[in-house]
Amino acid sequence: MSKTFDILSVGELLIDFLSEEYADDISAASSLKQFQGGSAANFCLNLALLGNQTKFVASVGDDSMGHFLLNVIQQYAIDCSD
């Protein structure tokens, strides 16, 4: 049985590393927080928040960063299955 989606988004799924403090240079920041990023992924996430059935297609590594990214988008009921 096939699934039906309102939105199919294809693109990059990235990690944005942001400092919570002001620093003139990234090397001066004492710590960085990681957030899910990528315009196609953000588009899909926001449409899911508005109640749309969404599917996102991207390639991520089988490592801690890839697992972080998949966990974040799956929390928003975005389908990212094969």
C-alpha atoms as a PDB file:
ATOM      1  CA  MET A   1       0.000   0.000   0.000  1.00  0.00           C
ATOM      2  CA  SER A   2       1.443   3.383  -0.941  1.00  0.00           C
ATOM      3  CA  LYS A   3       1.327   6.482   1.228  1.00  0.00           C
ATOM      4  CA  THR A   4       0.064   9.848   0.067  1.00  0.00           C
ATOM      5  CA  PHE A   5       1.818  13.072   1.036  1.00  0.00           C
ATOM      6  CA  ASP A   6       0.874  16.726   0.695  1.00  0.00           C
ATOM      7  CA  ILE A   7       4.509  17.743   0.288  1.00  0.00           C
ATOM      8  CA  LEU A   8       7.637  15.999  -0.965  1.00  0.00           C
ATOM      9  CA  SER A   9      10.817  17.936  -0.283  1.00  0.00           C
ATOM     10  CA  VAL A  10      14.235  16.929  -1.623  1.00  0.00           C
ATOM     11  CA  GLY A  11      17.428  18.658  -0.536  1.00  0.00           C
ATOM     12  CA  GLU A  12      20.142  19.057   2.029  1.00  0.00           C
ATOM     13  CA  LEU A  13      19.800  18.163   5.683  1.00  0.00           C
ATOM     14  CA  LEU A  14      22.504  20.022   7.582  1.00  0.00           C
ATOM     15  CA  ILE A  15      23.677  20.824  11.082  1.00  0.00           C
ATOM     16  CA  ASP A  16      24.034  24.498  11.971  1.00  0.00           C
ATOM     17  CA  PHE A  17      26.475  25.148  14.819  1.00  0.00           C
ATOM     18  CA  LEU A  18      25.563  28.367  16.640  1.00  0.00           C
ATOM     19  CA  SER A  19      27.135  30.162  19.567  1.00  0.00           C
ATOM     20  CA  GLU A  20      24.873  31.469  22.307  1.00  0.00           C
ATOM     21  CA  GLU A  21      27.341  34.232  23.054  1.00  0.00           C
ATOM     22  CA  TYR A  22      28.642  37.090  20.962  1.00  0.00           C
ATOM     23  CA  ALA A  23      32.138  36.481  19.616  1.00  0.00           C
ATOM     24  CA  ASP A  24      34.150  38.331  16.984  1.00  0.00           C
ATOM     25  CA  ASP A  25      35.386  35.017  15.626  1.00  0.00           C
ATOM     26  CA  ILE A  26      34.066  31.434  15.789  1.00  0.00           C
ATOM     27  CA  SER A  27      37.294  30.326  17.470  1.00  0.00           C
ATOM     28  CA  ALA A  28      36.558  32.709  20.365  1.00  0.00           C
ATOM     29  CA  ALA A  29      33.213  31.038  21.175  1.00  0.00           C
ATOM     30  CA  SER A  30      33.435  28.853  24.266  1.00  0.00           C
ATOM     31  CA  SER A  31      30.658  26.517  23.142  1.00  0.00           C
ATOM     32  CA  LEU A  32      28.440  25.810  20.157  1.00  0.00           C
ATOM     33  CA  LYS A  33      24.941  24.318  20.019  1.00  0.00           C
ATOM     34  CA  GLN A  34      23.817  22.185  17.119  1.00  0.00           C
ATOM     35  CA  PHE A  35      20.540  22.699  15.295  1.00  0.00           C
ATOM     36  CA  GLN A  36      18.946  21.013  12.306  1.00  0.00           C
ATOM     37  CA  GLY A  37      19.314  23.115   9.171  1.00  0.00           C
ATOM     38  CA  GLY A  38      19.043  23.119   5.400  1.00  0.00           C
ATOM     39  CA  SER A  39      16.428  25.135   3.541  1.00  0.00           C
ATOM     40  CA  ALA A  40      14.588  22.133   2.060  1.00  0.00           C
ATOM     41  CA  ALA A  41      14.463  20.452   5.470  1.00  0.00           C
ATOM     42  CA  ASN A  42      13.302  23.659   7.184  1.00  0.00           C
ATOM     43  CA  PHE A  43      10.595  24.081   4.522  1.00  0.00           C
ATOM     44  CA  CYS A  44       9.367  20.529   5.108  1.00  0.00           C
ATOM     45  CA  LEU A  45       9.477  20.902   8.897  1.00  0.00           C
ATOM     46  CA  ASN A  46       7.439  24.109   8.871  1.00  0.00           C
ATOM     47  CA  LEU A  47       4.820  22.625   6.564  1.00  0.00           C
ATOM     48  CA  ALA A  48       4.571  19.608   8.890  1.00  0.00           C
ATOM     49  CA  LEU A  49       3.999  22.006  11.797  1.00  0.00           C
ATOM     50  CA  LEU A  50       1.090  23.460   9.809  1.00  0.00           C
ATOM     51  CA  GLY A  51      -0.512  20.013   9.642  1.00  0.00           C
ATOM     52  CA  ASN A  52       0.637  18.781   6.227  1.00  0.00           C
ATOM     53  CA  GLN A  53       1.673  15.181   5.578  1.00  0.00           C
ATOM     54  CA  THR A  54       5.312  15.594   4.547  1.00  0.00           C
ATOM     55  CA  LYS A  55       8.082  13.417   3.190  1.00  0.00           C
ATOM     56  CA  PHE A  56      11.729  14.490   3.074  1.00  0.00           C
ATOM     57  CA  VAL A  57      14.417  12.915   0.881  1.00  0.00           C
ATOM     58  CA  ALA A  58      18.096  13.511   1.642  1.00  0.00           C
ATOM     59  CA  SER A  59      21.298  11.629   2.237  1.00  0.00           C
ATOM     60  CA  VAL A  60      22.845  11.586   5.714  1.00  0.00           C
ATOM     61  CA  GLY A  61      25.746   9.713   7.212  1.00  0.00           C
ATOM     62  CA  ASP A  62      25.400   6.673   9.464  1.00  0.00           C
ATOM     63  CA  ASP A  63      27.142   8.493  12.307  1.00  0.00           C
ATOM     64  CA  SER A  64      26.247  10.604  15.347  1.00  0.00           C
ATOM     65  CA  MET A  65      25.481  13.692  13.238  1.00  0.00           C
ATOM     66  CA  GLY A  66      23.261  11.761  10.832  1.00  0.00           C
ATOM     67  CA  HIS A  67      21.427  10.153  13.747  1.00  0.00           C
ATOM     68  CA  PHE A  68      20.940  13.574  15.378  1.00  0.00           C
ATOM     69  CA  LEU A  69      19.419  14.957  12.171  1.00  0.00           C
ATOM     70  CA  LEU A  70      17.065  12.017  11.632  1.00  0.00           C
ATOM     71  CA  ASN A  71      15.899  12.160  15.263  1.00  0.00           C
ATOM     72  CA  VAL A  72      15.090  15.871  14.961  1.00  0.00           C
ATOM     73  CA  ILE A  73      13.007  15.620  11.796  1.00  0.00           C
ATOM     74  CA  GLN A  74      11.225  12.446  12.927  1.00  0.00           C
ATOM     75  CA  GLN A  75      10.074  14.320  16.058  1.00  0.00           C
ATOM     76  CA  TYR A  76       7.907  16.407  13.705  1.00  0.00           C
ATOM     77  CA  ALA A  77       6.268  13.362  12.066  1.00  0.00           C
ATOM     78  CA  ILE A  78       8.162  13.942   8.813  1.00  0.00           C
ATOM     79  CA  ASP A  79       8.407  10.716   6.844  1.00  0.00           C
ATOM     80  CA  CYS A  80      12.025  10.042   5.901  1.00  0.00           C
ATOM     81  CA  SER A  81      11.709   6.318   5.205  1.00  0.00           C
ATOM     82  CA  ASP A  82      13.181   4.660   2.120  1.00  0.00           C
END
